[in-house]
Amino acid sequence: MKTTLEIPDPIFRQAKAKAAEQGIPLRQFVTEAVEGELRARPAVGQKPWLRLAGRLKHLRKETARINQSIEREFERIEPEEWV
């Protein structure tokens, strides 16, 4: 599909130079750049932080251990010391 885009001159020159460096047409460079941006951005309604949550699964046991340690320490503190 053909379309017309208005791109600021400095950005256009950078894009054209980068495409030339890579030995590809500007059309291909722009298409790949747009595809990359679309993949990088979450869809409407998605929570971007949710993508990272699964990568922290290996820390669950460590987090539980730390929380238990914190609870034990707080049990040792006298209520008067909280003020």
PDB file of N, CA and C in Angstrom:
ATOM      1  N   MET A   1       0.846  -1.168   0.000  1.00  0.00           N
ATOM      2  CA  MET A   1       0.000   0.000   0.000  1.00  0.00           C
ATOM      3  C   MET A   1       0.894   1.235   0.000  1.00  0.00           C
ATOM      4  N   LYS A   2       0.504   2.208  -0.734  1.00  0.00           N
ATOM      5  CA  LYS A   2       1.261   3.452  -0.778  1.00  0.00           C
ATOM      6  C   LYS A   2       0.597   4.463   0.138  1.00  0.00           C
ATOM      7  N   THR A   3       1.447   5.293   0.745  1.00  0.00           N
ATOM      8  CA  THR A   3       0.942   6.372   1.583  1.00  0.00           C
ATOM      9  C   THR A   3       1.963   7.502   1.579  1.00  0.00           C
ATOM     10  N   THR A   4       1.546   8.645   2.030  1.00  0.00           N
ATOM     11  CA  THR A   4       2.455   9.784   2.128  1.00  0.00           C
ATOM     12  C   THR A   4       2.634  10.114   3.597  1.00  0.00           C
ATOM     13  N   LEU A   5       3.879  10.243   4.005  1.00  0.00           N
ATOM     14  CA  LEU A   5       4.194  10.593   5.388  1.00  0.00           C
ATOM     15  C   LEU A   5       4.952  11.901   5.407  1.00  0.00           C
ATOM     16  N   GLU A   6       4.717  12.670   6.436  1.00  0.00           N
ATOM     17  CA  GLU A   6       5.471  13.901   6.629  1.00  0.00           C
ATOM     18  C   GLU A   6       6.471  13.635   7.746  1.00  0.00           C
ATOM     19  N   ILE A   7       7.746  13.578   7.395  1.00  0.00           N
ATOM     20  CA  ILE A   7       8.816  13.271   8.345  1.00  0.00           C
ATOM     21  C   ILE A   7       9.742  14.480   8.403  1.00  0.00           C
ATOM     22  N   PRO A   8      10.099  14.933   9.606  1.00  0.00           N
ATOM     23  CA  PRO A   8      11.033  16.067   9.694  1.00  0.00           C
ATOM     24  C   PRO A   8      12.330  15.759   8.943  1.00  0.00           C
ATOM     25  N   ASP A   9      12.868  16.777   8.277  1.00  0.00           N
ATOM     26  CA  ASP A   9      14.060  16.608   7.442  1.00  0.00           C
ATOM     27  C   ASP A   9      15.229  15.902   8.148  1.00  0.00           C
ATOM     28  N   PRO A  10      15.587  16.313   9.376  1.00  0.00           N
ATOM     29  CA  PRO A  10      16.734  15.636  10.013  1.00  0.00           C
ATOM     30  C   PRO A  10      16.500  14.136  10.214  1.00  0.00           C
ATOM     31  N   ILE A  11      15.291  13.766  10.582  1.00  0.00           N
ATOM     32  CA  ILE A  11      14.970  12.337  10.798  1.00  0.00           C
ATOM     33  C   ILE A  11      14.974  11.597   9.463  1.00  0.00           C
ATOM     34  N   PHE A  12      14.433  12.230   8.435  1.00  0.00           N
ATOM     35  CA  PHE A  12      14.433  11.619   7.107  1.00  0.00           C
ATOM     36  C   PHE A  12      15.860  11.346   6.638  1.00  0.00           C
ATOM     37  N   ARG A  13      16.746  12.331   6.825  1.00  0.00           N
ATOM     38  CA  ARG A  13      18.139  12.159   6.391  1.00  0.00           C
ATOM     39  C   ARG A  13      18.824  11.036   7.172  1.00  0.00           C
ATOM     40  N   GLN A  14      18.553  10.970   8.480  1.00  0.00           N
ATOM     41  CA  GLN A  14      19.142   9.896   9.294  1.00  0.00           C
ATOM     42  C   GLN A  14      18.636   8.533   8.832  1.00  0.00           C
ATOM     43  N   ALA A  15      17.336   8.438   8.589  1.00  0.00           N
ATOM     44  CA  ALA A  15      16.742   7.164   8.156  1.00  0.00           C
ATOM     45  C   ALA A  15      17.312   6.744   6.800  1.00  0.00           C
ATOM     46  N   LYS A  16      17.425   7.694   5.897  1.00  0.00           N
ATOM     47  CA  LYS A  16      17.945   7.390   4.565  1.00  0.00           C
ATOM     48  C   LYS A  16      19.411   6.937   4.650  1.00  0.00           C
ATOM     49  N   ALA A  17      20.184   7.592   5.505  1.00  0.00           N
ATOM     50  CA  ALA A  17      21.593   7.221   5.678  1.00  0.00           C
ATOM     51  C   ALA A  17      21.711   5.829   6.303  1.00  0.00           C
ATOM     52  N   LYS A  18      20.886   5.547   7.308  1.00  0.00           N
ATOM     53  CA  LYS A  18      20.917   4.227   7.962  1.00  0.00           C
ATOM     54  C   LYS A  18      20.545   3.134   6.969  1.00  0.00           C
ATOM     55  N   ALA A  19      19.519   3.385   6.171  1.00  0.00           N
ATOM     56  CA  ALA A  19      19.111   2.404   5.161  1.00  0.00           C
ATOM     57  C   ALA A  19      20.254   2.148   4.187  1.00  0.00           C
ATOM     58  N   ALA A  20      20.935   3.215   3.771  1.00  0.00           N
ATOM     59  CA  ALA A  20      22.064   3.067   2.839  1.00  0.00           C
ATOM     60  C   ALA A  20      23.198   2.274   3.487  1.00  0.00           C
ATOM     61  N   GLU A  21      23.470   2.542   4.776  1.00  0.00           N
ATOM     62  CA  GLU A  21      24.507   1.788   5.501  1.00  0.00           C
ATOM     63  C   GLU A  21      24.205   0.296   5.494  1.00  0.00           C
ATOM     64  N   GLN A  22      22.909  -0.028   5.651  1.00  0.00           N
ATOM     65  CA  GLN A  22      22.489  -1.429   5.718  1.00  0.00           C
ATOM     66  C   GLN A  22      22.290  -2.033   4.326  1.00  0.00           C
ATOM     67  N   GLY A  23      22.364  -1.186   3.301  1.00  0.00           N
ATOM     68  CA  GLY A  23      22.207  -1.667   1.929  1.00  0.00           C
ATOM     69  C   GLY A  23      20.786  -2.086   1.597  1.00  0.00           C
ATOM     70  N   ILE A  24      19.822  -1.402   2.217  1.00  0.00           N
ATOM     71  CA  ILE A  24      18.415  -1.720   1.946  1.00  0.00           C
ATOM     72  C   ILE A  24      17.687  -0.445   1.520  1.00  0.00           C
ATOM     73  N   PRO A  25      16.581  -0.600   0.792  1.00  0.00           N
ATOM     74  CA  PRO A  25      15.824   0.584   0.393  1.00  0.00           C
ATOM     75  C   PRO A  25      15.193   1.267   1.617  1.00  0.00           C
ATOM     76  N   LEU A  26      14.976   2.559   1.503  1.00  0.00           N
ATOM     77  CA  LEU A  26      14.349   3.316   2.581  1.00  0.00           C
ATOM     78  C   LEU A  26      12.988   2.705   2.934  1.00  0.00           C
ATOM     79  N   ARG A  27      12.247   2.270   1.937  1.00  0.00           N
ATOM     80  CA  ARG A  27      10.931   1.649   2.155  1.00  0.00           C
ATOM     81  C   ARG A  27      11.048   0.462   3.116  1.00  0.00           C
ATOM     82  N   GLN A  28      12.042  -0.398   2.905  1.00  0.00           N
ATOM     83  CA  GLN A  28      12.244  -1.567   3.761  1.00  0.00           C
ATOM     84  C   GLN A  28      12.671  -1.139   5.170  1.00  0.00           C
ATOM     85  N   PHE A  29      13.555  -0.139   5.242  1.00  0.00           N
ATOM     86  CA  PHE A  29      14.012   0.357   6.540  1.00  0.00           C
ATOM     87  C   PHE A  29      12.841   0.879   7.369  1.00  0.00           C
ATOM     88  N   VAL A  30      11.978   1.680   6.742  1.00  0.00           N
ATOM     89  CA  VAL A  30      10.827   2.248   7.447  1.00  0.00           C
ATOM     90  C   VAL A  30       9.852   1.138   7.852  1.00  0.00           C
ATOM     91  N   THR A  31       9.616   0.185   6.972  1.00  0.00           N
ATOM     92  CA  THR A  31       8.714  -0.922   7.290  1.00  0.00           C
ATOM     93  C   THR A  31       9.224  -1.707   8.495  1.00  0.00           C
ATOM     94  N   GLU A  32      10.512  -2.021   8.511  1.00  0.00           N
ATOM     95  CA  GLU A  32      11.086  -2.772   9.632  1.00  0.00           C
ATOM     96  C   GLU A  32      11.044  -1.959  10.927  1.00  0.00           C
ATOM     97  N   ALA A  33      11.267  -0.654  10.816  1.00  0.00           N
ATOM     98  CA  ALA A  33      11.221   0.205  12.004  1.00  0.00           C
ATOM     99  C   ALA A  33       9.800   0.242  12.588  1.00  0.00           C
ATOM    100  N   VAL A  34       8.807   0.351  11.735  1.00  0.00           N
ATOM    101  CA  VAL A  34       7.417   0.374  12.203  1.00  0.00           C
ATOM    102  C   VAL A  34       7.043  -0.985  12.801  1.00  0.00           C
ATOM    103  N   GLU A  35       7.439  -2.073  12.157  1.00  0.00           N
ATOM    104  CA  GLU A  35       7.162  -3.409  12.707  1.00  0.00           C
ATOM    105  C   GLU A  35       7.787  -3.570  14.087  1.00  0.00           C
ATOM    106  N   GLY A  36       9.012  -3.131  14.236  1.00  0.00           N
ATOM    107  CA  GLY A  36       9.692  -3.226  15.532  1.00  0.00           C
ATOM    108  C   GLY A  36       8.978  -2.421  16.601  1.00  0.00           C
ATOM    109  N   GLU A  37       8.536  -1.247  16.254  1.00  0.00           N
ATOM    110  CA  GLU A  37       7.815  -0.398  17.212  1.00  0.00           C
ATOM    111  C   GLU A  37       6.479  -1.024  17.597  1.00  0.00           C
ATOM    112  N   LEU A  38       5.801  -1.626  16.651  1.00  0.00           N
ATOM    113  CA  LEU A  38       4.516  -2.270  16.945  1.00  0.00           C
ATOM    114  C   LEU A  38       4.687  -3.469  17.867  1.00  0.00           C
ATOM    115  N   ARG A  39       5.770  -4.212  17.684  1.00  0.00           N
ATOM    116  CA  ARG A  39       6.038  -5.353  18.564  1.00  0.00           C
ATOM    117  C   ARG A  39       6.413  -4.895  19.970  1.00  0.00           C
ATOM    118  N   ALA A  40       7.128  -3.780  20.066  1.00  0.00           N
ATOM    119  CA  ALA A  40       7.638  -3.305  21.348  1.00  0.00           C
ATOM    120  C   ALA A  40       6.550  -2.692  22.230  1.00  0.00           C
ATOM    121  N   ARG A  41       5.518  -2.174  21.644  1.00  0.00           N
ATOM    122  CA  ARG A  41       4.470  -1.500  22.420  1.00  0.00           C
ATOM    123  C   ARG A  41       3.338  -2.464  22.747  1.00  0.00           C
ATOM    124  N   PRO A  42       2.857  -2.439  23.981  1.00  0.00           N
ATOM    125  CA  PRO A  42       1.758  -3.327  24.362  1.00  0.00           C
ATOM    126  C   PRO A  42       0.439  -2.891  23.710  1.00  0.00           C
ATOM    127  N   ALA A  43      -0.426  -3.852  23.493  1.00  0.00           N
ATOM    128  CA  ALA A  43      -1.743  -3.547  22.939  1.00  0.00           C
ATOM    129  C   ALA A  43      -2.539  -2.749  23.973  1.00  0.00           C
ATOM    130  N   VAL A  44      -3.532  -2.022  23.512  1.00  0.00           N
ATOM    131  CA  VAL A  44      -4.371  -1.226  24.409  1.00  0.00           C
ATOM    132  C   VAL A  44      -5.009  -2.146  25.437  1.00  0.00           C
ATOM    133  N   GLY A  45      -4.938  -1.766  26.692  1.00  0.00           N
ATOM    134  CA  GLY A  45      -5.533  -2.567  27.757  1.00  0.00           C
ATOM    135  C   GLY A  45      -4.563  -3.538  28.404  1.00  0.00           C
ATOM    136  N   GLN A  46      -3.425  -3.797  27.758  1.00  0.00           N
ATOM    137  CA  GLN A  46      -2.442  -4.694  28.357  1.00  0.00           C
ATOM    138  C   GLN A  46      -1.595  -3.922  29.355  1.00  0.00           C
ATOM    139  N   LYS A  47      -1.110  -4.626  30.339  1.00  0.00           N
ATOM    140  CA  LYS A  47      -0.249  -4.023  31.338  1.00  0.00           C
ATOM    141  C   LYS A  47       1.195  -4.357  30.969  1.00  0.00           C
ATOM    142  N   PRO A  48       2.000  -3.344  30.593  1.00  0.00           N
ATOM    143  CA  PRO A  48       3.360  -3.641  30.129  1.00  0.00           C
ATOM    144  C   PRO A  48       4.220  -4.336  31.169  1.00  0.00           C
ATOM    145  N   TRP A  49       3.996  -4.072  32.435  1.00  0.00           N
ATOM    146  CA  TRP A  49       4.801  -4.708  33.479  1.00  0.00           C
ATOM    147  C   TRP A  49       4.502  -6.187  33.585  1.00  0.00           C
ATOM    148  N   LEU A  50       3.348  -6.624  33.093  1.00  0.00           N
ATOM    149  CA  LEU A  50       2.954  -8.024  33.186  1.00  0.00           C
ATOM    150  C   LEU A  50       3.884  -8.923  32.369  1.00  0.00           C
ATOM    151  N   ARG A  51       4.466  -8.382  31.284  1.00  0.00           N
ATOM    152  CA  ARG A  51       5.404  -9.170  30.476  1.00  0.00           C
ATOM    153  C   ARG A  51       6.611  -9.599  31.299  1.00  0.00           C
ATOM    154  N   LEU A  52       7.008  -8.759  32.247  1.00  0.00           N
ATOM    155  CA  LEU A  52       8.192  -9.040  33.043  1.00  0.00           C
ATOM    156  C   LEU A  52       7.915  -9.968  34.213  1.00  0.00           C
ATOM    157  N   ALA A  53       6.672 -10.046  34.658  1.00  0.00           N
ATOM    158  CA  ALA A  53       6.343 -10.797  35.859  1.00  0.00           C
ATOM    159  C   ALA A  53       6.751 -12.268  35.754  1.00  0.00           C
ATOM    160  N   GLY A  54       6.560 -12.878  34.637  1.00  0.00           N
ATOM    161  CA  GLY A  54       6.911 -14.282  34.470  1.00  0.00           C
ATOM    162  C   GLY A  54       8.405 -14.541  34.587  1.00  0.00           C
ATOM    163  N   ARG A  55       9.198 -13.551  34.293  1.00  0.00           N
ATOM    164  CA  ARG A  55      10.651 -13.711  34.358  1.00  0.00           C
ATOM    165  C   ARG A  55      11.172 -13.703  35.792  1.00  0.00           C
ATOM    166  N   LEU A  56      10.325 -13.341  36.734  1.00  0.00           N
ATOM    167  CA  LEU A  56      10.745 -13.275  38.135  1.00  0.00           C
ATOM    168  C   LEU A  56      10.309 -14.505  38.926  1.00  0.00           C
ATOM    169  N   LYS A  57       9.738 -15.473  38.249  1.00  0.00           N
ATOM    170  CA  LYS A  57       9.214 -16.663  38.909  1.00  0.00           C
ATOM    171  C   LYS A  57      10.267 -17.365  39.757  1.00  0.00           C
ATOM    172  N   HIS A  58      11.500 -17.371  39.307  1.00  0.00           N
ATOM    173  CA  HIS A  58      12.569 -18.051  40.032  1.00  0.00           C
ATOM    174  C   HIS A  58      12.871 -17.392  41.384  1.00  0.00           C
ATOM    175  N   LEU A  59      12.346 -16.202  41.628  1.00  0.00           N
ATOM    176  CA  LEU A  59      12.619 -15.490  42.882  1.00  0.00           C
ATOM    177  C   LEU A  59      11.540 -15.701  43.942  1.00  0.00           C
ATOM    178  N   ARG A  60      10.510 -16.463  43.636  1.00  0.00           N
ATOM    179  CA  ARG A  60       9.402 -16.635  44.586  1.00  0.00           C
ATOM    180  C   ARG A  60       9.862 -17.207  45.922  1.00  0.00           C
ATOM    181  N   LYS A  61      10.675 -18.257  45.890  1.00  0.00           N
ATOM    182  CA  LYS A  61      11.144 -18.879  47.139  1.00  0.00           C
ATOM    183  C   LYS A  61      11.996 -17.894  47.933  1.00  0.00           C
ATOM    184  N   GLU A  62      12.849 -17.166  47.230  1.00  0.00           N
ATOM    185  CA  GLU A  62      13.706 -16.187  47.902  1.00  0.00           C
ATOM    186  C   GLU A  62      12.873 -15.067  48.521  1.00  0.00           C
ATOM    187  N   THR A  63      11.858 -14.622  47.806  1.00  0.00           N
ATOM    188  CA  THR A  63      10.966 -13.578  48.329  1.00  0.00           C
ATOM    189  C   THR A  63      10.242 -14.075  49.575  1.00  0.00           C
ATOM    190  N   ALA A  64       9.759 -15.305  49.547  1.00  0.00           N
ATOM    191  CA  ALA A  64       9.072 -15.882  50.713  1.00  0.00           C
ATOM    192  C   ALA A  64      10.033 -15.968  51.900  1.00  0.00           C
ATOM    193  N   ARG A  65      11.271 -16.372  51.656  1.00  0.00           N
ATOM    194  CA  ARG A  65      12.266 -16.456  52.720  1.00  0.00           C
ATOM    195  C   ARG A  65      12.530 -15.086  53.335  1.00  0.00           C
ATOM    196  N   ILE A  66      12.671 -14.080  52.507  1.00  0.00           N
ATOM    197  CA  ILE A  66      12.917 -12.718  52.995  1.00  0.00           C
ATOM    198  C   ILE A  66      11.721 -12.212  53.795  1.00  0.00           C
ATOM    199  N   ASN A  67      10.515 -12.457  53.305  1.00  0.00           N
ATOM    200  CA  ASN A  67       9.310 -12.023  54.024  1.00  0.00           C
ATOM    201  C   ASN A  67       9.205 -12.694  55.393  1.00  0.00           C
ATOM    202  N   GLN A  68       9.549 -13.967  55.476  1.00  0.00           N
ATOM    203  CA  GLN A  68       9.530 -14.665  56.769  1.00  0.00           C
ATOM    204  C   GLN A  68      10.542 -14.054  57.728  1.00  0.00           C
ATOM    205  N   SER A  69      11.696 -13.717  57.209  1.00  0.00           N
ATOM    206  CA  SER A  69      12.724 -13.100  58.033  1.00  0.00           C
ATOM    207  C   SER A  69      12.264 -11.739  58.553  1.00  0.00           C
ATOM    208  N   ILE A  70      11.633 -10.975  57.717  1.00  0.00           N
ATOM    209  CA  ILE A  70      11.102  -9.669  58.126  1.00  0.00           C
ATOM    210  C   ILE A  70      10.044  -9.845  59.205  1.00  0.00           C
ATOM    211  N   GLU A  71       9.134 -10.795  58.999  1.00  0.00           N
ATOM    212  CA  GLU A  71       8.079 -11.047  59.992  1.00  0.00           C
ATOM    213  C   GLU A  71       8.681 -11.431  61.344  1.00  0.00           C
ATOM    214  N   ARG A  72       9.683 -12.293  61.339  1.00  0.00           N
ATOM    215  CA  ARG A  72      10.326 -12.694  62.599  1.00  0.00           C
ATOM    216  C   ARG A  72      10.930 -11.491  63.319  1.00  0.00           C
ATOM    217  N   GLU A  73      11.573 -10.616  62.563  1.00  0.00           N
ATOM    218  CA  GLU A  73      12.195  -9.439  63.171  1.00  0.00           C
ATOM    219  C   GLU A  73      11.142  -8.489  63.736  1.00  0.00           C
ATOM    220  N   PHE A  74      10.033  -8.312  63.042  1.00  0.00           N
ATOM    221  CA  PHE A  74       8.996  -7.417  63.536  1.00  0.00           C
ATOM    222  C   PHE A  74       8.299  -7.988  64.772  1.00  0.00           C
ATOM    223  N   GLU A  75       8.265  -9.301  64.900  1.00  0.00           N
ATOM    224  CA  GLU A  75       7.684  -9.911  66.092  1.00  0.00           C
ATOM    225  C   GLU A  75       8.538  -9.613  67.316  1.00  0.00           C
ATOM    226  N   ARG A  76       9.819  -9.366  67.124  1.00  0.00           N
ATOM    227  CA  ARG A  76      10.732  -9.097  68.225  1.00  0.00           C
ATOM    228  C   ARG A  76      10.682  -7.648  68.696  1.00  0.00           C
ATOM    229  N   ILE A  77      10.098  -6.778  67.897  1.00  0.00           N
ATOM    230  CA  ILE A  77      10.038  -5.360  68.257  1.00  0.00           C
ATOM    231  C   ILE A  77       8.877  -5.123  69.216  1.00  0.00           C
ATOM    232  N   GLU A  78       9.140  -4.426  70.275  1.00  0.00           N
ATOM    233  CA  GLU A  78       8.103  -4.107  71.252  1.00  0.00           C
ATOM    234  C   GLU A  78       7.230  -2.967  70.707  1.00  0.00           C
ATOM    235  N   PRO A  79       5.917  -3.008  70.955  1.00  0.00           N
ATOM    236  CA  PRO A  79       5.026  -1.955  70.443  1.00  0.00           C
ATOM    237  C   PRO A  79       5.479  -0.546  70.842  1.00  0.00           C
ATOM    238  N   GLU A  80       6.078  -0.392  72.043  1.00  0.00           N
ATOM    239  CA  GLU A  80       6.505   0.947  72.485  1.00  0.00           C
ATOM    240  C   GLU A  80       7.601   1.497  71.584  1.00  0.00           C
ATOM    241  N   GLU A  81       8.374   0.625  70.974  1.00  0.00           N
ATOM    242  CA  GLU A  81       9.471   1.059  70.133  1.00  0.00           C
ATOM    243  C   GLU A  81       8.986   1.562  68.790  1.00  0.00           C
ATOM    244  N   TRP A  82       7.751   1.335  68.422  1.00  0.00           N
ATOM    245  CA  TRP A  82       7.198   1.749  67.142  1.00  0.00           C
ATOM    246  C   TRP A  82       6.931   3.244  67.113  1.00  0.00           C
ATOM    247  N   VAL A  83       6.775   3.844  68.278  1.00  0.00           N
ATOM    248  CA  VAL A  83       6.387   5.260  68.357  1.00  0.00           C
ATOM    249  C   VAL A  83       7.572   6.164  68.237  1.00  0.00           C
TER     250      VAL A  83
END
